[in-house]
């Protein structure tokens, strides 16, 4: 797996009116991260940072907790 594992952040569900982000979290330095659902595989999520970069890795909330799968 490339990149850092962000599954340990305190992810909170979002009420996004346009339906893009499912969860949001902030790291110790105050940077925001958002988990966005894949349209074709909704159990898979990818991260977008508040700087609009996409850190590598896929996550899932299947089973009730956020965990990295690749």
Protein backbone atom coordinates (compact mmCIF):
# COMPACT_ATOMS: atom_id res chain seq x y z
CA UNK A 1 0.00 0.00 0.00
CA UNK A 2 1.22 3.44 -0.89
CA UNK A 3 0.58 6.56 1.15
CA UNK A 4 -0.35 6.91 4.78
CA UNK A 5 -3.29 5.06 6.29
CA UNK A 6 -5.96 7.59 7.26
CA UNK A 7 -8.39 5.06 8.73
CA UNK A 8 -7.29 6.02 12.26
CA UNK A 9 -8.72 9.55 11.92
CA UNK A 10 -12.01 10.36 13.67
CA UNK A 11 -14.27 10.05 10.61
CA UNK A 12 -17.69 11.67 10.98
CA UNK A 13 -20.65 11.14 8.62
CA UNK A 14 -21.44 14.17 6.47
CA UNK A 15 -24.76 15.52 5.33
CA UNK A 16 -23.52 16.69 1.92
CA UNK A 17 -26.44 18.20 -0.08
CA UNK A 18 -24.87 17.25 -3.44
CA UNK A 19 -24.02 13.76 -2.21
CA UNK A 20 -20.29 13.76 -2.93
CA UNK A 21 -18.60 13.29 0.46
CA UNK A 22 -19.76 10.56 2.83
CA UNK A 23 -17.35 11.28 5.72
CA UNK A 24 -15.01 14.02 6.90
CA UNK A 25 -12.07 14.06 9.33
CA UNK A 26 -9.26 16.36 10.40
CA UNK A 27 -5.69 15.41 11.28
CA UNK A 28 -3.62 16.80 14.17
CA UNK A 29 -2.47 19.73 12.00
CA UNK A 30 -6.04 20.69 11.10
CA UNK A 31 -5.98 19.44 7.50
CA UNK A 32 -9.36 18.22 6.29
CA UNK A 33 -9.96 14.91 4.53
CA UNK A 34 -13.16 13.67 2.90
CA UNK A 35 -14.19 10.15 1.90
CA UNK A 36 -16.11 10.03 -1.37
CA UNK A 37 -18.10 7.00 -2.53
CA UNK A 38 -17.29 5.27 -5.81
CA UNK A 39 -20.37 5.50 -8.04
CA UNK A 40 -20.11 1.95 -9.39
CA UNK A 41 -19.00 0.27 -6.13
CA UNK A 42 -20.61 2.31 -3.32
CA UNK A 43 -18.92 0.25 -0.58
CA UNK A 44 -15.56 1.63 -1.78
CA UNK A 45 -14.44 5.15 -0.84
CA UNK A 46 -11.48 7.30 -1.85
CA UNK A 47 -9.95 10.26 -0.03
CA UNK A 48 -9.87 13.89 -1.17
CA UNK A 49 -7.94 16.37 0.96
CA UNK A 50 -8.95 19.98 1.56
CA UNK A 51 -6.05 20.91 -0.75
CA UNK A 52 -7.95 19.00 -3.48
CA UNK A 53 -5.31 16.29 -3.74
CA UNK A 54 -6.26 12.61 -3.83
CA UNK A 55 -4.03 10.58 -1.50
CA UNK A 56 -3.57 6.99 -2.74
CA UNK A 57 -5.64 4.19 -1.29
CA UNK A 58 -9.17 2.84 -1.11
CA UNK A 59 -11.28 2.61 2.04
CA UNK A 60 -14.53 0.91 3.00
CA UNK A 61 -17.16 1.38 5.67
CA UNK A 62 -18.55 -2.11 5.14
CA UNK A 63 -18.92 -3.65 8.58
CA UNK A 64 -19.48 -0.31 10.30
CA UNK A 65 -15.92 1.00 10.68
CA UNK A 66 -13.67 2.86 8.26
CA UNK A 67 -10.71 0.73 7.17
CA UNK A 68 -8.19 0.84 4.36
CA UNK A 69 -8.45 -1.97 1.81
CA UNK A 70 -5.66 -1.04 -0.63
